[in-house]
């Protein structure tokens, strides 16, 4: 366990050296036994999972990394991969639903609703009057209403300015040899390029205008 934890310290230091305060690293360690084996009638090896048949233990360290600056995600992932993990999860990029982002989405929805009302009145050869009602959410206008906003979609054209993008890298390691150092050349060699997917947050509004002749 001490050797596995020491290896995780190396991963922590390598990631922090790349991303510093733009990273949040969470580590955990688990220990599980492995047992003597025997062959069944078909010749297959089977573990004898009895307490008195334990022949050793495996310590497994897991490192979860949250990168707040998406531009550093590739370097951080490369720094973790340079230490030779047994398993690495895919890089995931998403929008953080902050109050600022939700307000941007709501503002864009109101502006779009106003423009649609103007176009509708012009197409109907009517005069657009004052705004009477505006509601945030989705559902029958002035009926039962759902106030959930900020739904996230990917690979669509953005309808509002995006907030900071975030990404995660999850790495599991259980090797027991000494922890190697990570050089800039190691990071460069393992920094796999990836295009950023389009991220969209959507908001809905109900707007009622008076219409004149």
N, C-alpha and C. Protein backbone atom coordinates (compact mmCIF):
# COMPACT_ATOMS: atom_id res chain seq x y z
N UNK A 1 0.83 -1.20 0.00
CA UNK A 1 0.00 0.00 0.00
C UNK A 1 0.87 1.26 0.00
N UNK A 2 1.94 1.23 0.77
CA UNK A 2 2.83 2.39 0.81
C UNK A 2 3.41 2.68 -0.57
N UNK A 3 3.78 1.62 -1.30
CA UNK A 3 4.35 1.80 -2.63
C UNK A 3 3.32 2.39 -3.59
N UNK A 4 2.07 1.91 -3.50
CA UNK A 4 1.01 2.43 -4.36
C UNK A 4 0.70 3.89 -4.04
N UNK A 5 0.66 4.22 -2.75
CA UNK A 5 0.41 5.60 -2.34
C UNK A 5 1.54 6.51 -2.81
N UNK A 6 2.78 6.03 -2.73
CA UNK A 6 3.91 6.83 -3.19
C UNK A 6 3.79 7.11 -4.68
N UNK A 7 3.31 6.13 -5.43
CA UNK A 7 3.12 6.34 -6.87
C UNK A 7 2.04 7.39 -7.12
N UNK A 8 0.98 7.37 -6.32
CA UNK A 8 -0.08 8.38 -6.46
C UNK A 8 0.46 9.77 -6.13
N UNK A 9 1.36 9.87 -5.18
CA UNK A 9 1.98 11.16 -4.87
C UNK A 9 2.71 11.70 -6.11
N UNK A 10 3.38 10.81 -6.83
CA UNK A 10 4.06 11.24 -8.05
C UNK A 10 3.10 11.76 -9.09
N UNK A 11 1.95 11.08 -9.24
CA UNK A 11 0.94 11.55 -10.19
C UNK A 11 0.37 12.89 -9.75
N UNK A 12 0.12 13.03 -8.46
CA UNK A 12 -0.41 14.30 -7.93
C UNK A 12 0.56 15.44 -8.23
N UNK A 13 1.84 15.21 -7.95
CA UNK A 13 2.84 16.26 -8.17
C UNK A 13 2.97 16.60 -9.65
N UNK A 14 2.92 15.59 -10.52
CA UNK A 14 3.07 15.84 -11.96
C UNK A 14 1.89 16.65 -12.49
N UNK A 15 0.68 16.34 -12.05
CA UNK A 15 -0.50 17.07 -12.51
C UNK A 15 -0.49 18.50 -11.99
N UNK A 16 -0.14 18.66 -10.71
CA UNK A 16 -0.10 20.00 -10.12
C UNK A 16 0.98 20.86 -10.79
N UNK A 17 2.07 20.24 -11.21
CA UNK A 17 3.12 21.00 -11.88
C UNK A 17 2.64 21.57 -13.21
N UNK A 18 1.69 20.89 -13.83
CA UNK A 18 1.15 21.33 -15.12
C UNK A 18 0.00 22.31 -14.94
N UNK A 19 -0.94 21.98 -14.04
CA UNK A 19 -2.19 22.75 -13.94
C UNK A 19 -2.30 23.61 -12.69
N UNK A 20 -1.49 23.35 -11.68
CA UNK A 20 -1.46 24.15 -10.44
C UNK A 20 -2.87 24.36 -9.88
N UNK A 21 -3.25 25.63 -9.65
CA UNK A 21 -4.53 25.92 -9.01
C UNK A 21 -5.72 25.67 -9.93
N UNK A 22 -5.46 25.43 -11.21
CA UNK A 22 -6.54 25.10 -12.14
C UNK A 22 -6.94 23.63 -12.09
N UNK A 23 -6.36 22.87 -11.16
CA UNK A 23 -6.69 21.45 -11.04
C UNK A 23 -7.20 21.14 -9.64
N UNK A 24 -8.11 20.17 -9.57
CA UNK A 24 -8.58 19.61 -8.31
C UNK A 24 -8.36 18.10 -8.40
N UNK A 25 -7.47 17.58 -7.56
CA UNK A 25 -7.09 16.18 -7.61
C UNK A 25 -7.64 15.46 -6.39
N UNK A 26 -8.38 14.38 -6.62
CA UNK A 26 -8.93 13.57 -5.55
C UNK A 26 -8.34 12.17 -5.65
N UNK A 27 -7.78 11.68 -4.55
CA UNK A 27 -7.15 10.36 -4.56
C UNK A 27 -7.86 9.42 -3.59
N UNK A 28 -7.79 8.13 -3.88
CA UNK A 28 -8.33 7.11 -2.98
C UNK A 28 -7.50 5.85 -3.15
N UNK A 29 -7.53 4.98 -2.14
CA UNK A 29 -6.79 3.72 -2.20
C UNK A 29 -7.68 2.60 -1.69
N UNK A 30 -7.63 1.46 -2.33
CA UNK A 30 -8.39 0.29 -1.90
C UNK A 30 -7.46 -0.91 -1.88
N UNK A 31 -7.76 -1.88 -1.01
CA UNK A 31 -6.96 -3.09 -0.88
C UNK A 31 -7.87 -4.30 -1.02
N UNK A 32 -7.47 -5.26 -1.83
CA UNK A 32 -8.25 -6.48 -2.01
C UNK A 32 -7.32 -7.68 -2.00
N UNK A 33 -7.78 -8.83 -1.50
CA UNK A 33 -6.92 -10.02 -1.44
C UNK A 33 -6.96 -10.81 -2.74
N UNK A 34 -5.93 -11.63 -2.97
CA UNK A 34 -6.00 -12.64 -4.01
C UNK A 34 -5.64 -13.99 -3.40
N UNK A 35 -6.17 -15.07 -4.00
CA UNK A 35 -6.23 -16.37 -3.33
C UNK A 35 -5.46 -17.44 -4.11
N UNK A 36 -5.25 -18.54 -3.41
CA UNK A 36 -4.72 -19.72 -4.08
C UNK A 36 -5.71 -20.17 -5.15
N UNK A 37 -5.19 -20.84 -6.17
CA UNK A 37 -6.04 -21.33 -7.25
C UNK A 37 -5.97 -22.85 -7.34
N UNK A 38 -7.03 -23.43 -7.85
CA UNK A 38 -7.06 -24.86 -8.12
C UNK A 38 -7.73 -25.07 -9.47
N UNK A 39 -7.54 -26.26 -10.02
CA UNK A 39 -8.16 -26.58 -11.31
C UNK A 39 -9.41 -27.43 -11.08
N UNK A 40 -10.49 -27.06 -11.80
CA UNK A 40 -11.70 -27.86 -11.71
C UNK A 40 -11.61 -29.05 -12.66
N UNK A 41 -12.69 -29.77 -12.81
CA UNK A 41 -12.67 -30.97 -13.65
C UNK A 41 -12.40 -30.66 -15.12
N UNK A 42 -12.74 -29.44 -15.53
CA UNK A 42 -12.50 -29.05 -16.92
C UNK A 42 -11.11 -28.47 -17.12
N UNK A 43 -10.34 -28.39 -16.06
CA UNK A 43 -8.99 -27.86 -16.17
C UNK A 43 -8.90 -26.35 -16.04
N UNK A 44 -10.01 -25.68 -15.76
CA UNK A 44 -10.00 -24.23 -15.60
C UNK A 44 -9.51 -23.86 -14.20
N UNK A 45 -8.76 -22.76 -14.13
CA UNK A 45 -8.26 -22.30 -12.84
C UNK A 45 -9.34 -21.53 -12.10
N UNK A 46 -9.55 -21.86 -10.83
CA UNK A 46 -10.57 -21.23 -9.99
C UNK A 46 -9.90 -20.74 -8.71
N UNK A 47 -10.24 -19.53 -8.29
CA UNK A 47 -9.73 -19.01 -7.02
C UNK A 47 -10.46 -19.67 -5.86
N UNK A 48 -9.71 -20.07 -4.87
CA UNK A 48 -10.29 -20.64 -3.66
C UNK A 48 -10.52 -19.51 -2.66
N UNK A 49 -11.70 -18.92 -2.70
CA UNK A 49 -11.98 -17.72 -1.92
C UNK A 49 -12.34 -18.05 -0.47
N UNK A 50 -11.38 -18.60 0.22
CA UNK A 50 -11.51 -18.86 1.65
C UNK A 50 -10.50 -18.01 2.39
N UNK A 51 -10.85 -17.60 3.60
CA UNK A 51 -9.98 -16.71 4.35
C UNK A 51 -8.60 -17.32 4.59
N UNK A 52 -8.52 -18.64 4.71
CA UNK A 52 -7.23 -19.27 4.97
C UNK A 52 -6.45 -19.55 3.69
N UNK A 53 -7.01 -19.15 2.53
CA UNK A 53 -6.34 -19.37 1.25
C UNK A 53 -5.82 -18.06 0.64
N UNK A 54 -5.82 -17.01 1.42
CA UNK A 54 -5.28 -15.74 0.94
C UNK A 54 -3.76 -15.85 0.82
N UNK A 55 -3.23 -15.49 -0.35
CA UNK A 55 -1.78 -15.56 -0.53
C UNK A 55 -1.15 -14.17 -0.72
N UNK A 56 -1.96 -13.15 -0.81
CA UNK A 56 -1.41 -11.81 -0.94
C UNK A 56 -2.51 -10.77 -1.09
N UNK A 57 -2.10 -9.51 -1.18
CA UNK A 57 -3.05 -8.40 -1.29
C UNK A 57 -2.61 -7.45 -2.39
N UNK A 58 -3.58 -6.82 -3.00
CA UNK A 58 -3.31 -5.81 -4.03
C UNK A 58 -3.81 -4.46 -3.53
N UNK A 59 -2.96 -3.46 -3.58
CA UNK A 59 -3.35 -2.09 -3.25
C UNK A 59 -3.56 -1.35 -4.57
N UNK A 60 -4.70 -0.72 -4.71
CA UNK A 60 -5.04 -0.02 -5.94
C UNK A 60 -5.35 1.44 -5.61
N UNK A 61 -4.63 2.33 -6.26
CA UNK A 61 -4.83 3.76 -6.03
C UNK A 61 -5.56 4.35 -7.24
N UNK A 62 -6.55 5.19 -6.97
CA UNK A 62 -7.30 5.86 -8.03
C UNK A 62 -7.13 7.36 -7.88
N UNK A 63 -6.92 8.03 -9.01
CA UNK A 63 -6.72 9.48 -9.02
C UNK A 63 -7.74 10.10 -9.97
N UNK A 64 -8.61 10.94 -9.43
CA UNK A 64 -9.58 11.68 -10.26
C UNK A 64 -9.13 13.13 -10.35
N UNK A 65 -9.13 13.65 -11.56
CA UNK A 65 -8.60 14.99 -11.79
C UNK A 65 -9.64 15.85 -12.49
N UNK A 66 -9.92 17.00 -11.91
CA UNK A 66 -10.81 17.99 -12.50
C UNK A 66 -9.97 19.19 -12.92
N UNK A 67 -9.99 19.52 -14.21
CA UNK A 67 -9.22 20.63 -14.74
C UNK A 67 -10.18 21.76 -15.08
N UNK A 68 -10.01 22.91 -14.45
CA UNK A 68 -10.93 24.04 -14.66
C UNK A 68 -10.63 24.79 -15.95
N UNK A 69 -9.40 24.78 -16.39
CA UNK A 69 -9.01 25.41 -17.65
C UNK A 69 -8.87 24.31 -18.69
N UNK A 70 -9.80 24.24 -19.63
CA UNK A 70 -9.80 23.14 -20.59
C UNK A 70 -8.54 23.13 -21.44
N UNK A 71 -7.87 24.26 -21.57
CA UNK A 71 -6.65 24.31 -22.34
C UNK A 71 -5.51 23.54 -21.70
N UNK A 72 -5.61 23.23 -20.41
CA UNK A 72 -4.57 22.48 -19.70
C UNK A 72 -4.90 21.00 -19.58
N UNK A 73 -6.08 20.60 -20.06
CA UNK A 73 -6.52 19.22 -19.86
C UNK A 73 -5.60 18.22 -20.53
N UNK A 74 -5.16 18.52 -21.75
CA UNK A 74 -4.29 17.60 -22.46
C UNK A 74 -2.97 17.39 -21.76
N UNK A 75 -2.36 18.47 -21.28
CA UNK A 75 -1.08 18.35 -20.57
C UNK A 75 -1.25 17.57 -19.27
N UNK A 76 -2.36 17.83 -18.56
CA UNK A 76 -2.59 17.13 -17.30
C UNK A 76 -2.79 15.64 -17.52
N UNK A 77 -3.54 15.31 -18.55
CA UNK A 77 -3.75 13.89 -18.87
C UNK A 77 -2.43 13.24 -19.26
N UNK A 78 -1.63 13.92 -20.06
CA UNK A 78 -0.34 13.38 -20.49
C UNK A 78 0.59 13.16 -19.29
N UNK A 79 0.55 14.08 -18.32
CA UNK A 79 1.39 13.93 -17.13
C UNK A 79 1.00 12.69 -16.35
N UNK A 80 -0.32 12.44 -16.26
CA UNK A 80 -0.78 11.24 -15.56
C UNK A 80 -0.41 9.98 -16.33
N UNK A 81 -0.58 10.00 -17.66
CA UNK A 81 -0.27 8.82 -18.48
C UNK A 81 1.22 8.50 -18.48
N UNK A 82 2.06 9.52 -18.31
CA UNK A 82 3.51 9.29 -18.31
C UNK A 82 3.96 8.41 -17.16
N UNK A 83 3.13 8.29 -16.12
CA UNK A 83 3.47 7.45 -14.98
C UNK A 83 3.02 6.01 -15.16
N UNK A 84 2.45 5.68 -16.33
CA UNK A 84 2.12 4.29 -16.64
C UNK A 84 0.96 3.72 -15.86
N UNK A 85 -0.20 4.36 -15.87
CA UNK A 85 -1.35 3.79 -15.15
C UNK A 85 -1.84 2.51 -15.83
N UNK A 86 -2.51 1.67 -15.07
CA UNK A 86 -3.09 0.45 -15.65
C UNK A 86 -4.38 0.75 -16.39
N UNK A 87 -5.04 1.84 -16.05
CA UNK A 87 -6.31 2.16 -16.68
C UNK A 87 -6.48 3.67 -16.72
N UNK A 88 -7.04 4.19 -17.81
CA UNK A 88 -7.32 5.62 -17.94
C UNK A 88 -8.70 5.79 -18.55
N UNK A 89 -9.52 6.63 -17.95
CA UNK A 89 -10.86 6.89 -18.45
C UNK A 89 -10.82 7.99 -19.52
N UNK A 90 -11.86 8.05 -20.37
CA UNK A 90 -11.89 9.08 -21.42
C UNK A 90 -11.96 10.49 -20.83
N UNK A 91 -11.44 11.43 -21.60
CA UNK A 91 -11.53 12.84 -21.25
C UNK A 91 -12.95 13.32 -21.48
N UNK A 92 -13.53 14.02 -20.53
CA UNK A 92 -14.91 14.51 -20.66
C UNK A 92 -14.92 16.02 -20.45
N UNK A 93 -15.51 16.74 -21.38
CA UNK A 93 -15.59 18.20 -21.32
C UNK A 93 -17.06 18.60 -21.14
N UNK A 94 -17.31 19.50 -20.22
CA UNK A 94 -18.69 19.93 -19.96
C UNK A 94 -18.71 21.38 -19.48
N UNK A 95 -19.89 21.97 -19.55
CA UNK A 95 -20.09 23.33 -19.07
C UNK A 95 -20.52 23.30 -17.61
N UNK A 96 -19.96 24.16 -16.83
CA UNK A 96 -20.38 24.30 -15.44
C UNK A 96 -21.61 25.21 -15.38
N UNK A 97 -22.67 24.74 -14.75
CA UNK A 97 -23.92 25.49 -14.70
C UNK A 97 -23.87 26.54 -13.59
N UNK A 98 -23.12 27.58 -13.81
CA UNK A 98 -23.05 28.67 -12.84
C UNK A 98 -24.25 29.59 -13.03
N UNK A 99 -24.48 30.46 -12.04
CA UNK A 99 -25.57 31.42 -12.15
C UNK A 99 -25.35 32.36 -13.34
N UNK A 100 -24.10 32.72 -13.59
CA UNK A 100 -23.80 33.61 -14.73
C UNK A 100 -24.18 32.96 -16.05
N UNK A 101 -23.86 31.66 -16.21
CA UNK A 101 -24.18 30.97 -17.45
C UNK A 101 -25.69 30.87 -17.64
N UNK A 102 -26.42 30.54 -16.58
CA UNK A 102 -27.87 30.42 -16.69
C UNK A 102 -28.51 31.77 -17.02
N UNK A 103 -27.96 32.86 -16.48
CA UNK A 103 -28.49 34.18 -16.81
C UNK A 103 -28.22 34.51 -18.28
N UNK A 104 -27.06 34.12 -18.79
CA UNK A 104 -26.77 34.35 -20.21
C UNK A 104 -27.76 33.59 -21.09
N UNK A 105 -28.05 32.35 -20.72
CA UNK A 105 -29.01 31.56 -21.50
C UNK A 105 -30.40 32.18 -21.44
N UNK A 106 -30.80 32.65 -20.26
CA UNK A 106 -32.11 33.27 -20.12
C UNK A 106 -32.20 34.56 -20.93
N UNK A 107 -31.14 35.36 -20.87
CA UNK A 107 -31.12 36.61 -21.64
C UNK A 107 -31.24 36.34 -23.14
N UNK A 108 -30.51 35.32 -23.61
CA UNK A 108 -30.60 34.97 -25.03
C UNK A 108 -32.00 34.50 -25.39
N UNK A 109 -32.65 33.75 -24.50
CA UNK A 109 -34.01 33.28 -24.77
C UNK A 109 -35.00 34.45 -24.86
N UNK A 110 -34.85 35.43 -23.97
CA UNK A 110 -35.74 36.60 -24.00
C UNK A 110 -35.54 37.40 -25.28
N UNK A 111 -34.28 37.61 -25.66
CA UNK A 111 -34.00 38.34 -26.89
C UNK A 111 -34.56 37.61 -28.11
N UNK A 112 -34.43 36.29 -28.12
CA UNK A 112 -34.97 35.51 -29.23
C UNK A 112 -36.49 35.59 -29.26
N UNK A 113 -37.12 35.53 -28.08
CA UNK A 113 -38.58 35.64 -28.02
C UNK A 113 -39.07 36.99 -28.50
N UNK A 114 -38.37 38.05 -28.14
CA UNK A 114 -38.75 39.39 -28.59
C UNK A 114 -38.67 39.51 -30.10
N UNK A 115 -37.59 38.96 -30.68
CA UNK A 115 -37.42 39.03 -32.12
C UNK A 115 -38.48 38.19 -32.84
N UNK A 116 -38.82 37.04 -32.28
CA UNK A 116 -39.86 36.21 -32.89
C UNK A 116 -41.23 36.90 -32.83
N UNK A 117 -41.49 37.58 -31.74
CA UNK A 117 -42.75 38.30 -31.63
C UNK A 117 -42.82 39.42 -32.67
N UNK A 118 -41.72 40.14 -32.86
CA UNK A 118 -41.69 41.20 -33.86
C UNK A 118 -41.92 40.65 -35.27
N UNK A 119 -41.24 39.53 -35.58
CA UNK A 119 -41.39 38.92 -36.89
C UNK A 119 -42.81 38.39 -37.09
N UNK A 120 -43.40 37.82 -36.05
CA UNK A 120 -44.76 37.29 -36.16
C UNK A 120 -45.77 38.41 -36.43
N UNK A 121 -45.60 39.52 -35.71
CA UNK A 121 -46.52 40.64 -35.92
C UNK A 121 -46.36 41.22 -37.32
N UNK A 122 -45.12 41.33 -37.79
CA UNK A 122 -44.90 41.86 -39.13
C UNK A 122 -45.49 40.93 -40.19
N UNK A 123 -45.30 39.61 -40.02
CA UNK A 123 -45.85 38.67 -40.98
C UNK A 123 -47.36 38.69 -41.01
N UNK A 124 -48.00 38.96 -39.85
CA UNK A 124 -49.46 39.02 -39.77
C UNK A 124 -49.99 40.41 -40.08
N UNK A 125 -49.10 41.34 -40.45
CA UNK A 125 -49.48 42.72 -40.75
C UNK A 125 -50.25 43.34 -39.58
N UNK A 126 -49.71 43.09 -38.39
CA UNK A 126 -50.31 43.64 -37.17
C UNK A 126 -49.26 44.49 -36.46
N UNK A 127 -49.74 45.28 -35.52
CA UNK A 127 -48.84 46.14 -34.74
C UNK A 127 -48.52 45.45 -33.43
N UNK A 128 -47.23 45.32 -33.16
CA UNK A 128 -46.80 44.67 -31.91
C UNK A 128 -46.95 45.64 -30.76
N UNK A 129 -47.75 45.24 -29.78
CA UNK A 129 -47.99 46.08 -28.62
C UNK A 129 -47.02 45.81 -27.49
N UNK A 130 -47.33 46.26 -26.30
CA UNK A 130 -46.42 46.08 -25.16
C UNK A 130 -46.37 44.62 -24.69
N UNK A 131 -45.28 44.30 -24.04
CA UNK A 131 -45.14 42.98 -23.43
C UNK A 131 -46.01 42.91 -22.18
N UNK A 132 -46.88 41.90 -22.11
CA UNK A 132 -47.82 41.77 -21.00
C UNK A 132 -47.33 40.79 -19.93
N UNK A 133 -46.76 39.66 -20.39
CA UNK A 133 -46.36 38.60 -19.46
C UNK A 133 -45.05 38.00 -19.95
N UNK A 134 -44.17 37.70 -19.03
CA UNK A 134 -42.98 36.93 -19.35
C UNK A 134 -42.74 35.94 -18.22
N UNK A 135 -42.56 34.67 -18.58
CA UNK A 135 -42.34 33.61 -17.60
C UNK A 135 -41.12 32.79 -18.02
N UNK A 136 -40.36 32.36 -17.05
CA UNK A 136 -39.20 31.52 -17.31
C UNK A 136 -39.56 30.06 -17.06
N UNK A 137 -39.10 29.17 -17.92
CA UNK A 137 -39.37 27.75 -17.75
C UNK A 137 -39.97 27.16 -19.00
N UNK A 138 -40.55 25.97 -18.86
CA UNK A 138 -41.18 25.32 -19.99
C UNK A 138 -42.51 24.73 -19.55
N UNK A 139 -43.45 24.68 -20.49
CA UNK A 139 -44.77 24.16 -20.20
C UNK A 139 -45.82 25.03 -20.84
N UNK A 140 -47.10 24.72 -20.63
CA UNK A 140 -48.16 25.57 -21.19
C UNK A 140 -48.05 27.00 -20.64
N UNK A 141 -48.08 27.95 -21.55
CA UNK A 141 -47.95 29.34 -21.12
C UNK A 141 -49.12 29.72 -20.24
N UNK A 142 -48.84 30.26 -19.06
CA UNK A 142 -49.83 30.64 -18.05
C UNK A 142 -50.56 29.44 -17.47
N UNK A 143 -50.09 28.22 -17.76
CA UNK A 143 -50.69 27.02 -17.19
C UNK A 143 -49.73 26.39 -16.21
N UNK A 144 -49.76 25.06 -16.12
CA UNK A 144 -48.81 24.36 -15.26
C UNK A 144 -47.41 24.61 -15.77
N UNK A 145 -46.49 24.97 -14.88
CA UNK A 145 -45.19 25.46 -15.32
C UNK A 145 -44.07 24.68 -14.66
N UNK A 146 -43.03 24.46 -15.42
CA UNK A 146 -41.83 23.82 -14.90
C UNK A 146 -40.69 24.83 -14.94
N UNK A 147 -40.05 25.04 -13.83
CA UNK A 147 -39.03 26.08 -13.74
C UNK A 147 -37.62 25.59 -13.92
N UNK A 148 -37.42 24.40 -14.48
CA UNK A 148 -36.08 23.86 -14.66
C UNK A 148 -35.45 24.47 -15.90
N UNK A 149 -34.30 25.09 -15.75
CA UNK A 149 -33.60 25.69 -16.89
C UNK A 149 -32.17 25.21 -16.90
N UNK A 150 -31.48 25.52 -17.98
CA UNK A 150 -30.06 25.19 -18.06
C UNK A 150 -29.79 23.80 -18.57
N UNK A 151 -30.69 23.22 -19.39
CA UNK A 151 -30.41 21.93 -19.98
C UNK A 151 -29.18 22.03 -20.88
N UNK A 152 -28.34 21.00 -20.84
CA UNK A 152 -27.09 21.02 -21.60
C UNK A 152 -27.18 20.07 -22.78
N UNK A 153 -26.72 20.53 -23.93
CA UNK A 153 -26.67 19.71 -25.13
C UNK A 153 -25.27 19.82 -25.71
N UNK A 154 -24.88 18.84 -26.51
CA UNK A 154 -23.57 18.87 -27.16
C UNK A 154 -23.74 18.77 -28.66
N UNK A 155 -22.70 19.24 -29.36
CA UNK A 155 -22.65 19.18 -30.82
C UNK A 155 -23.81 19.92 -31.47
N UNK A 156 -24.21 21.04 -30.89
CA UNK A 156 -25.22 21.90 -31.47
C UNK A 156 -24.69 23.33 -31.46
N UNK A 157 -25.29 24.20 -32.28
CA UNK A 157 -24.85 25.57 -32.30
C UNK A 157 -25.19 26.25 -30.98
N UNK A 158 -24.28 26.98 -30.37
CA UNK A 158 -24.55 27.62 -29.09
C UNK A 158 -25.59 28.73 -29.22
N UNK A 159 -26.48 28.81 -28.22
CA UNK A 159 -27.48 29.87 -28.19
C UNK A 159 -27.15 30.96 -27.18
N UNK A 160 -26.11 30.74 -26.40
CA UNK A 160 -25.67 31.75 -25.44
C UNK A 160 -24.17 31.58 -25.25
N UNK A 161 -23.53 32.63 -24.78
CA UNK A 161 -22.10 32.54 -24.53
C UNK A 161 -21.83 31.49 -23.46
N UNK A 162 -20.80 30.71 -23.65
CA UNK A 162 -20.49 29.63 -22.72
C UNK A 162 -19.62 30.13 -21.59
N UNK A 163 -19.78 29.49 -20.43
CA UNK A 163 -18.88 29.77 -19.31
C UNK A 163 -17.62 28.94 -19.49
N UNK A 164 -16.80 28.92 -18.47
CA UNK A 164 -15.57 28.16 -18.57
C UNK A 164 -15.90 26.69 -18.79
N UNK A 165 -15.10 26.03 -19.59
CA UNK A 165 -15.29 24.61 -19.85
C UNK A 165 -14.38 23.83 -18.91
N UNK A 166 -14.86 22.64 -18.53
CA UNK A 166 -14.13 21.85 -17.57
C UNK A 166 -13.96 20.43 -18.11
N UNK A 167 -13.00 19.72 -17.61
CA UNK A 167 -12.76 18.36 -18.09
C UNK A 167 -12.28 17.50 -16.94
N UNK A 168 -12.42 16.19 -17.11
CA UNK A 168 -11.98 15.27 -16.08
C UNK A 168 -11.10 14.20 -16.68
N UNK A 169 -10.15 13.77 -15.92
CA UNK A 169 -9.32 12.63 -16.27
C UNK A 169 -9.30 11.71 -15.07
N UNK A 170 -9.63 10.46 -15.26
CA UNK A 170 -9.61 9.50 -14.16
C UNK A 170 -8.58 8.43 -14.47
N UNK A 171 -7.65 8.21 -13.56
CA UNK A 171 -6.55 7.27 -13.78
C UNK A 171 -6.46 6.33 -12.60
N UNK A 172 -6.32 5.04 -12.86
CA UNK A 172 -6.13 4.05 -11.81
C UNK A 172 -4.74 3.45 -11.97
N UNK A 173 -4.00 3.32 -10.88
CA UNK A 173 -2.66 2.75 -10.94
C UNK A 173 -2.42 1.82 -9.77
N UNK A 174 -1.76 0.71 -10.01
CA UNK A 174 -1.43 -0.20 -8.91
C UNK A 174 -0.03 -0.78 -9.07
N UNK A 175 0.82 -0.16 -9.85
CA UNK A 175 2.18 -0.65 -10.02
C UNK A 175 3.00 -0.36 -8.76
N UNK A 176 3.96 -1.19 -8.52
CA UNK A 176 4.68 -1.11 -7.26
C UNK A 176 6.15 -0.72 -7.42
N UNK A 177 6.61 -0.50 -8.67
CA UNK A 177 7.99 -0.11 -8.83
C UNK A 177 8.16 1.36 -8.46
N UNK A 178 9.39 1.85 -8.46
CA UNK A 178 9.65 3.23 -8.07
C UNK A 178 8.98 4.19 -9.03
N UNK A 179 8.61 5.36 -8.52
CA UNK A 179 7.87 6.34 -9.31
C UNK A 179 8.85 7.13 -10.19
N UNK A 180 8.67 7.11 -11.52
CA UNK A 180 9.57 7.87 -12.38
C UNK A 180 9.19 9.35 -12.37
N UNK A 181 10.11 10.18 -12.80
CA UNK A 181 9.81 11.61 -12.94
C UNK A 181 9.19 11.86 -14.30
N UNK A 182 8.42 12.93 -14.40
CA UNK A 182 7.74 13.29 -15.65
C UNK A 182 8.41 14.54 -16.21
N UNK A 183 8.91 14.44 -17.42
CA UNK A 183 9.59 15.56 -18.06
C UNK A 183 8.67 16.22 -19.08
N UNK A 184 8.98 17.46 -19.49
CA UNK A 184 8.19 18.09 -20.55
C UNK A 184 8.16 17.27 -21.83
N UNK A 185 9.23 16.55 -22.11
CA UNK A 185 9.24 15.70 -23.31
C UNK A 185 8.24 14.56 -23.18
N UNK A 186 8.10 14.00 -21.97
CA UNK A 186 7.12 12.94 -21.73
C UNK A 186 5.71 13.46 -21.98
N UNK A 187 5.43 14.67 -21.47
CA UNK A 187 4.10 15.25 -21.63
C UNK A 187 3.81 15.53 -23.10
N UNK A 188 4.79 16.07 -23.81
CA UNK A 188 4.62 16.36 -25.23
C UNK A 188 4.35 15.09 -26.02
N UNK A 189 5.03 14.01 -25.68
CA UNK A 189 4.88 12.76 -26.42
C UNK A 189 3.51 12.13 -26.21
N UNK A 190 2.88 12.36 -25.05
CA UNK A 190 1.62 11.71 -24.71
C UNK A 190 0.42 12.65 -24.76
N UNK A 191 0.64 13.89 -25.20
CA UNK A 191 -0.46 14.86 -25.25
C UNK A 191 -1.25 14.63 -26.54
N UNK A 192 -2.31 13.85 -26.44
CA UNK A 192 -3.13 13.50 -27.59
C UNK A 192 -4.04 14.67 -27.95
N UNK A 193 -3.98 15.20 -29.19
CA UNK A 193 -4.84 16.33 -29.56
C UNK A 193 -6.30 15.91 -29.65
N UNK A 194 -7.17 16.83 -29.33
CA UNK A 194 -8.61 16.56 -29.36
C UNK A 194 -9.36 17.87 -29.57
N UNK A 195 -10.32 17.87 -30.51
CA UNK A 195 -11.14 19.05 -30.72
C UNK A 195 -12.16 19.19 -29.59
N UNK A 196 -12.46 20.42 -29.26
CA UNK A 196 -13.44 20.66 -28.20
C UNK A 196 -14.85 20.57 -28.77
N UNK A 197 -15.72 19.76 -28.20
CA UNK A 197 -17.09 19.67 -28.70
C UNK A 197 -17.87 20.94 -28.37
N UNK A 198 -18.82 21.27 -29.24
CA UNK A 198 -19.68 22.42 -28.99
C UNK A 198 -20.60 22.11 -27.81
N UNK A 199 -20.67 23.02 -26.87
CA UNK A 199 -21.52 22.86 -25.70
C UNK A 199 -22.62 23.92 -25.72
N UNK A 200 -23.84 23.54 -25.40
CA UNK A 200 -24.96 24.48 -25.43
C UNK A 200 -25.79 24.35 -24.16
N UNK A 201 -26.15 25.49 -23.58
CA UNK A 201 -27.13 25.53 -22.50
C UNK A 201 -28.38 26.22 -23.02
N UNK A 202 -29.52 25.60 -22.82
CA UNK A 202 -30.77 26.09 -23.38
C UNK A 202 -31.71 26.57 -22.28
N UNK A 203 -32.38 27.67 -22.52
CA UNK A 203 -33.38 28.20 -21.60
C UNK A 203 -34.68 28.42 -22.36
N UNK A 204 -35.81 28.35 -21.66
CA UNK A 204 -37.12 28.55 -22.27
C UNK A 204 -37.86 29.69 -21.55
N UNK A 205 -38.58 30.48 -22.31
CA UNK A 205 -39.39 31.55 -21.76
C UNK A 205 -40.75 31.57 -22.46
N UNK A 206 -41.75 32.07 -21.77
CA UNK A 206 -43.06 32.34 -22.36
C UNK A 206 -43.26 33.86 -22.34
N UNK A 207 -43.58 34.45 -23.50
CA UNK A 207 -43.76 35.89 -23.60
C UNK A 207 -45.09 36.17 -24.30
N UNK A 208 -45.90 37.01 -23.70
CA UNK A 208 -47.21 37.37 -24.27
C UNK A 208 -47.22 38.87 -24.56
N UNK A 209 -47.50 39.20 -25.79
CA UNK A 209 -47.56 40.61 -26.23
C UNK A 209 -48.99 40.96 -26.60
N UNK A 210 -49.28 42.23 -26.46
CA UNK A 210 -50.54 42.75 -27.02
C UNK A 210 -50.35 42.98 -28.50
N UNK A 211 -51.38 42.77 -29.29
CA UNK A 211 -51.34 42.95 -30.74
C UNK A 211 -52.41 43.98 -31.12
N UNK A 212 -52.00 44.96 -31.90
CA UNK A 212 -52.94 45.97 -32.40
C UNK A 212 -53.13 45.84 -33.91
N UNK A 213 -54.16 46.48 -34.42
CA UNK A 213 -54.41 46.44 -35.86
C UNK A 213 -53.45 47.36 -36.60
